[in-house]
Amino acid sequence: MAISLATLEDVADRLDRPLTDDERTRVSSFLLDVSALIVDHCGRDFRLHDDDLVRLDAVAGPELRLPRSMLPLASIHEVRWSNGSLIDDWSFSSRSLWRARGWRPPAGSRFLGIAVRASYGYEAVPSTVIAVACAEVLRWMTVQPGVTNERMGDLEVSYGATAPTQSLSAAAEHALRRYRPRITSTNARGS
């Protein structure tokens, strides 16, 4: 389902004038396009997920790290093995579920997954994300596709800037960096 992270009114407010009928159609399409690019870039959809089921792979150690897409986390309702058995000896801290016995399934079980039922996400789209979406739409609106340069013999005429492909600008990517997944590494040493 295509969602828009900003509204037509958000764009009109930044233009400080109402949108014309032609602009409304174009801006609506641009908002859907830029929203899809932002969601892909950030790895999250900026919606509220209430009582959602997330399946995770089991790990050997005591820490089961929740995916960044589950942040911000509102609450965890229950944790179960993928066969439906309740896991009740866990705690939550620092974006991870902790279990002293580790997250391996019970002996003799072939179920390797864990199902976490939780509420997470955003009740409202963050202001930064709305601002970036509107700025990109306004930038795209200024681009007029078409002929930019014509040459006949020794005579050359330029008509304007070239029309770039629709993508997020470097400034937009920089503004969204706090919503992107971070790459980390962990050093493990054997004894």
C-alpha atoms as a PDB file:
ATOM      1  CA  MET A   1       0.000   0.000   0.000  1.00  0.00           C
ATOM      2  CA  ALA A   2       1.437   3.352  -1.049  1.00  0.00           C
ATOM      3  CA  ILE A   3       1.510   5.923   1.714  1.00  0.00           C
ATOM      4  CA  SER A   4       2.422   9.573   1.666  1.00  0.00           C
ATOM      5  CA  LEU A   5       4.609  10.870   4.476  1.00  0.00           C
ATOM      6  CA  ALA A   6       3.453  14.459   3.903  1.00  0.00           C
ATOM      7  CA  THR A   7       0.235  16.062   2.690  1.00  0.00           C
ATOM      8  CA  LEU A   8      -0.688  18.432  -0.110  1.00  0.00           C
ATOM      9  CA  GLU A   9      -1.299  21.043   2.587  1.00  0.00           C
ATOM     10  CA  ASP A  10       2.261  20.578   3.909  1.00  0.00           C
ATOM     11  CA  VAL A  11       3.628  21.412   0.454  1.00  0.00           C
ATOM     12  CA  ALA A  12       1.199  24.334  -0.024  1.00  0.00           C
ATOM     13  CA  ASP A  13       2.241  25.770   3.364  1.00  0.00           C
ATOM     14  CA  ARG A  14       5.861  25.767   2.253  1.00  0.00           C
ATOM     15  CA  LEU A  15       4.932  27.458  -1.033  1.00  0.00           C
ATOM     16  CA  ASP A  16       2.890  29.997   0.954  1.00  0.00           C
ATOM     17  CA  ARG A  17       0.039  29.684  -1.529  1.00  0.00           C
ATOM     18  CA  PRO A  18      -2.654  27.182  -2.481  1.00  0.00           C
ATOM     19  CA  LEU A  19      -1.806  24.555  -5.094  1.00  0.00           C
ATOM     20  CA  THR A  20      -3.485  24.796  -8.489  1.00  0.00           C
ATOM     21  CA  ASP A  21      -5.480  21.800  -9.737  1.00  0.00           C
ATOM     22  CA  ASP A  22      -2.635  20.826 -12.095  1.00  0.00           C
ATOM     23  CA  GLU A  23      -0.105  21.137  -9.273  1.00  0.00           C
ATOM     24  CA  ARG A  24      -2.251  19.043  -6.910  1.00  0.00           C
ATOM     25  CA  THR A  25      -2.140  16.075  -9.297  1.00  0.00           C
ATOM     26  CA  ARG A  26       1.598  16.403  -9.868  1.00  0.00           C
ATOM     27  CA  VAL A  27       2.409  17.009  -6.183  1.00  0.00           C
ATOM     28  CA  SER A  28       0.293  13.996  -5.131  1.00  0.00           C
ATOM     29  CA  SER A  29       2.360  11.770  -7.409  1.00  0.00           C
ATOM     30  CA  PHE A  30       5.614  13.334  -6.228  1.00  0.00           C
ATOM     31  CA  LEU A  31       4.616  12.825  -2.576  1.00  0.00           C
ATOM     32  CA  LEU A  32       4.010   9.116  -3.183  1.00  0.00           C
ATOM     33  CA  ASP A  33       7.331   8.808  -5.040  1.00  0.00           C
ATOM     34  CA  VAL A  34       9.403  10.665  -2.448  1.00  0.00           C
ATOM     35  CA  SER A  35       7.679   8.779   0.380  1.00  0.00           C
ATOM     36  CA  ALA A  36       8.637   5.461  -1.221  1.00  0.00           C
ATOM     37  CA  LEU A  37      12.236   6.646  -1.602  1.00  0.00           C
ATOM     38  CA  ILE A  38      12.373   7.788   2.036  1.00  0.00           C
ATOM     39  CA  VAL A  39      10.895   4.499   3.303  1.00  0.00           C
ATOM     40  CA  ASP A  40      13.424   2.535   1.226  1.00  0.00           C
ATOM     41  CA  HIS A  41      16.296   4.773   2.329  1.00  0.00           C
ATOM     42  CA  CYS A  42      15.437   4.604   6.030  1.00  0.00           C
ATOM     43  CA  GLY A  43      14.229   1.003   6.215  1.00  0.00           C
ATOM     44  CA  ARG A  44      11.082   1.963   8.126  1.00  0.00           C
ATOM     45  CA  ASP A  45       7.607   3.152   7.193  1.00  0.00           C
ATOM     46  CA  PHE A  46       7.001   5.758   9.944  1.00  0.00           C
ATOM     47  CA  ARG A  47       3.599   4.248  10.839  1.00  0.00           C
ATOM     48  CA  LEU A  48       2.291   2.952  14.153  1.00  0.00           C
ATOM     49  CA  HIS A  49       2.163  -0.851  14.292  1.00  0.00           C
ATOM     50  CA  ASP A  50      -0.194  -1.871  17.076  1.00  0.00           C
ATOM     51  CA  ASP A  51      -0.098  -5.460  18.347  1.00  0.00           C
ATOM     52  CA  ASP A  52       1.990  -6.587  15.365  1.00  0.00           C
ATOM     53  CA  LEU A  53       3.607 -10.026  15.065  1.00  0.00           C
ATOM     54  CA  VAL A  54       7.317 -10.020  14.163  1.00  0.00           C
ATOM     55  CA  ARG A  55       9.185 -13.272  13.516  1.00  0.00           C
ATOM     56  CA  LEU A  56      12.850 -13.482  14.464  1.00  0.00           C
ATOM     57  CA  ASP A  57      15.495 -16.182  14.161  1.00  0.00           C
ATOM     58  CA  ALA A  58      16.665 -17.910  17.324  1.00  0.00           C
ATOM     59  CA  VAL A  59      20.199 -17.191  18.552  1.00  0.00           C
ATOM     60  CA  ALA A  60      22.465 -19.128  20.900  1.00  0.00           C
ATOM     61  CA  GLY A  61      23.326 -16.322  23.296  1.00  0.00           C
ATOM     62  CA  PRO A  62      21.233 -14.534  25.926  1.00  0.00           C
ATOM     63  CA  GLU A  63      20.615 -11.432  23.759  1.00  0.00           C
ATOM     64  CA  LEU A  64      17.980 -11.343  21.022  1.00  0.00           C
ATOM     65  CA  ARG A  65      18.387  -7.989  19.314  1.00  0.00           C
ATOM     66  CA  LEU A  66      15.189  -6.488  17.912  1.00  0.00           C
ATOM     67  CA  PRO A  67      15.381  -5.104  14.369  1.00  0.00           C
ATOM     68  CA  ARG A  68      15.753  -1.337  14.043  1.00  0.00           C
ATOM     69  CA  SER A  69      12.473  -1.268  12.106  1.00  0.00           C
ATOM     70  CA  MET A  70      10.739  -2.014  15.450  1.00  0.00           C
ATOM     71  CA  LEU A  71      11.912   1.288  16.926  1.00  0.00           C
ATOM     72  CA  PRO A  72      10.661   3.277  18.630  1.00  0.00           C
ATOM     73  CA  LEU A  73       9.233   0.412  20.681  1.00  0.00           C
ATOM     74  CA  ALA A  74       6.068   1.105  22.667  1.00  0.00           C
ATOM     75  CA  SER A  75       5.541  -2.289  24.309  1.00  0.00           C
ATOM     76  CA  ILE A  76       6.092  -6.018  23.961  1.00  0.00           C
ATOM     77  CA  HIS A  77       2.904  -7.997  24.535  1.00  0.00           C
ATOM     78  CA  GLU A  78       4.260 -11.542  24.355  1.00  0.00           C
ATOM     79  CA  VAL A  79       7.126 -13.696  23.138  1.00  0.00           C
ATOM     80  CA  ARG A  80       6.599 -17.240  21.836  1.00  0.00           C
ATOM     81  CA  TRP A  81       8.492 -19.995  20.097  1.00  0.00           C
ATOM     82  CA  SER A  82       7.366 -20.430  16.494  1.00  0.00           C
ATOM     83  CA  ASN A  83       5.336 -23.501  17.547  1.00  0.00           C
ATOM     84  CA  GLY A  84       3.215 -21.241  19.778  1.00  0.00           C
ATOM     85  CA  SER A  85       4.746 -22.116  23.181  1.00  0.00           C
ATOM     86  CA  LEU A  86       4.912 -19.077  25.452  1.00  0.00           C
ATOM     87  CA  ILE A  87       8.325 -17.796  26.569  1.00  0.00           C
ATOM     88  CA  ASP A  88       7.928 -15.936  29.841  1.00  0.00           C
ATOM     89  CA  ASP A  89      11.453 -15.819  31.301  1.00  0.00           C
ATOM     90  CA  TRP A  90      12.734 -12.842  29.290  1.00  0.00           C
ATOM     91  CA  SER A  91      13.426  -9.182  30.003  1.00  0.00           C
ATOM     92  CA  PHE A  92      13.850  -6.142  27.786  1.00  0.00           C
ATOM     93  CA  SER A  93      16.724  -3.685  27.862  1.00  0.00           C
ATOM     94  CA  SER A  94      18.559  -1.549  25.316  1.00  0.00           C
ATOM     95  CA  ARG A  95      16.693  -2.679  22.200  1.00  0.00           C
ATOM     96  CA  SER A  96      17.170  -6.358  23.021  1.00  0.00           C
ATOM     97  CA  LEU A  97      15.275  -9.195  24.640  1.00  0.00           C
ATOM     98  CA  TRP A  98      17.387 -10.979  27.229  1.00  0.00           C
ATOM     99  CA  ARG A  99      17.013 -14.557  28.432  1.00  0.00           C
ATOM    100  CA  ALA A 100      19.500 -16.216  30.807  1.00  0.00           C
ATOM    101  CA  ARG A 101      19.159 -19.628  29.119  1.00  0.00           C
ATOM    102  CA  GLY A 102      19.684 -18.149  25.658  1.00  0.00           C
ATOM    103  CA  TRP A 103      17.321 -18.212  22.724  1.00  0.00           C
ATOM    104  CA  ARG A 104      17.786 -21.778  21.523  1.00  0.00           C
ATOM    105  CA  PRO A 105      14.515 -23.729  21.242  1.00  0.00           C
ATOM    106  CA  PRO A 106      13.784 -26.421  23.834  1.00  0.00           C
ATOM    107  CA  ALA A 107      15.665 -29.713  23.425  1.00  0.00           C
ATOM    108  CA  GLY A 108      14.143 -31.964  20.802  1.00  0.00           C
ATOM    109  CA  SER A 109      12.270 -29.105  19.170  1.00  0.00           C
ATOM    110  CA  ARG A 110      12.815 -28.343  15.514  1.00  0.00           C
ATOM    111  CA  PHE A 111      11.263 -24.883  15.741  1.00  0.00           C
ATOM    112  CA  LEU A 112      13.973 -22.278  15.245  1.00  0.00           C
ATOM    113  CA  GLY A 113      11.945 -19.089  15.214  1.00  0.00           C
ATOM    114  CA  ILE A 114      10.657 -16.688  17.799  1.00  0.00           C
ATOM    115  CA  ALA A 115       7.438 -14.686  17.441  1.00  0.00           C
ATOM    116  CA  VAL A 116       7.324 -11.316  19.189  1.00  0.00           C
ATOM    117  CA  ARG A 117       3.973  -9.537  19.457  1.00  0.00           C
ATOM    118  CA  ALA A 118       4.614  -5.843  20.020  1.00  0.00           C
ATOM    119  CA  SER A 119       3.466  -2.294  19.409  1.00  0.00           C
ATOM    120  CA  TYR A 120       6.046  -0.039  17.797  1.00  0.00           C
ATOM    121  CA  GLY A 121       6.557   2.773  15.338  1.00  0.00           C
ATOM    122  CA  TYR A 122       5.472   6.384  15.126  1.00  0.00           C
ATOM    123  CA  GLU A 123       2.098   7.845  16.101  1.00  0.00           C
ATOM    124  CA  ALA A 124       2.877  10.756  13.773  1.00  0.00           C
ATOM    125  CA  VAL A 125       5.466  11.163  11.027  1.00  0.00           C
ATOM    126  CA  PRO A 126       8.507  12.987  12.490  1.00  0.00           C
ATOM    127  CA  SER A 127       8.763  16.667  11.504  1.00  0.00           C
ATOM    128  CA  THR A 128      12.172  16.115   9.909  1.00  0.00           C
ATOM    129  CA  VAL A 129      10.738  13.465   7.595  1.00  0.00           C
ATOM    130  CA  ILE A 130       7.839  15.738   6.574  1.00  0.00           C
ATOM    131  CA  ALA A 131      10.264  18.609   5.931  1.00  0.00           C
ATOM    132  CA  VAL A 132      12.511  16.404   3.774  1.00  0.00           C
ATOM    133  CA  ALA A 133       9.561  15.036   1.792  1.00  0.00           C
ATOM    134  CA  CYS A 134       8.262  18.552   1.089  1.00  0.00           C
ATOM    135  CA  ALA A 135      11.713  19.920   0.208  1.00  0.00           C
ATOM    136  CA  GLU A 136      12.284  17.108  -2.284  1.00  0.00           C
ATOM    137  CA  VAL A 137       8.852  17.627  -3.874  1.00  0.00           C
ATOM    138  CA  LEU A 138       9.527  21.363  -4.216  1.00  0.00           C
ATOM    139  CA  ARG A 139      12.931  20.610  -5.747  1.00  0.00           C
ATOM    140  CA  TRP A 140      11.360  18.190  -8.227  1.00  0.00           C
ATOM    141  CA  MET A 141       8.674  20.753  -9.125  1.00  0.00           C
ATOM    142  CA  THR A 142      11.351  23.207 -10.295  1.00  0.00           C
ATOM    143  CA  VAL A 143      12.791  20.718 -12.790  1.00  0.00           C
ATOM    144  CA  GLN A 144      11.319  21.093 -16.257  1.00  0.00           C
ATOM    145  CA  PRO A 145      12.132  18.045 -18.357  1.00  0.00           C
ATOM    146  CA  GLY A 146      12.862  18.509 -22.033  1.00  0.00           C
ATOM    147  CA  VAL A 147      15.495  19.900 -24.352  1.00  0.00           C
ATOM    148  CA  THR A 148      18.350  21.534 -22.505  1.00  0.00           C
ATOM    149  CA  ASN A 149      20.867  22.021 -25.267  1.00  0.00           C
ATOM    150  CA  GLU A 150      20.677  22.352 -29.037  1.00  0.00           C
ATOM    151  CA  ARG A 151      23.633  22.500 -31.391  1.00  0.00           C
ATOM    152  CA  MET A 152      23.668  23.254 -35.107  1.00  0.00           C
ATOM    153  CA  GLY A 153      27.152  23.499 -36.571  1.00  0.00           C
ATOM    154  CA  ASP A 154      29.126  26.059 -34.603  1.00  0.00           C
ATOM    155  CA  LEU A 155      25.997  27.516 -32.975  1.00  0.00           C
ATOM    156  CA  GLU A 156      24.960  26.136 -29.578  1.00  0.00           C
ATOM    157  CA  VAL A 157      22.031  27.248 -27.407  1.00  0.00           C
ATOM    158  CA  SER A 158      21.298  26.118 -23.829  1.00  0.00           C
ATOM    159  CA  TYR A 159      17.738  26.265 -22.509  1.00  0.00           C
ATOM    160  CA  GLY A 160      18.166  25.311 -18.866  1.00  0.00           C
ATOM    161  CA  ALA A 161      19.410  22.709 -16.457  1.00  0.00           C
ATOM    162  CA  THR A 162      19.207  19.061 -17.300  1.00  0.00           C
ATOM    163  CA  ALA A 163      16.383  17.090 -15.747  1.00  0.00           C
ATOM    164  CA  PRO A 164      17.846  14.657 -13.207  1.00  0.00           C
ATOM    165  CA  THR A 165      16.219  11.389 -12.290  1.00  0.00           C
ATOM    166  CA  GLN A 166      13.939  11.559  -9.284  1.00  0.00           C
ATOM    167  CA  SER A 167      16.001  10.543  -6.306  1.00  0.00           C
ATOM    168  CA  LEU A 168      16.781  11.834  -2.857  1.00  0.00           C
ATOM    169  CA  SER A 169      19.315  14.649  -2.796  1.00  0.00           C
ATOM    170  CA  ALA A 170      22.478  14.402  -0.716  1.00  0.00           C
ATOM    171  CA  ALA A 171      20.980  16.980   1.671  1.00  0.00           C
ATOM    172  CA  ALA A 172      17.850  14.837   2.110  1.00  0.00           C
ATOM    173  CA  GLU A 173      19.902  11.713   2.787  1.00  0.00           C
ATOM    174  CA  HIS A 174      21.963  13.636   5.334  1.00  0.00           C
ATOM    175  CA  ALA A 175      18.833  14.926   7.100  1.00  0.00           C
ATOM    176  CA  LEU A 176      17.410  11.381   7.294  1.00  0.00           C
ATOM    177  CA  ARG A 177      20.604   9.744   8.625  1.00  0.00           C
ATOM    178  CA  ARG A 178      19.277   9.316  12.178  1.00  0.00           C
ATOM    179  CA  TYR A 179      16.419   7.141  10.864  1.00  0.00           C
ATOM    180  CA  ARG A 180      18.701   4.823   8.870  1.00  0.00           C
ATOM    181  CA  PRO A 181      20.030   1.496  10.078  1.00  0.00           C
ATOM    182  CA  ARG A 182      23.555   1.691  11.406  1.00  0.00           C
ATOM    183  CA  ILE A 183      26.225  -0.772  10.475  1.00  0.00           C
ATOM    184  CA  THR A 184      28.062  -2.151  13.461  1.00  0.00           C
ATOM    185  CA  SER A 185      30.507  -4.928  14.084  1.00  0.00           C
ATOM    186  CA  THR A 186      31.352  -6.960  17.129  1.00  0.00           C
ATOM    187  CA  ASN A 187      34.710  -8.494  17.893  1.00  0.00           C
ATOM    188  CA  ALA A 188      34.527 -11.999  19.303  1.00  0.00           C
ATOM    189  CA  ARG A 189      37.585 -13.719  20.711  1.00  0.00           C
ATOM    190  CA  GLY A 190      37.909 -17.345  21.552  1.00  0.00           C
ATOM    191  CA  SER A 191      39.639 -18.449  24.707  1.00  0.00           C
END
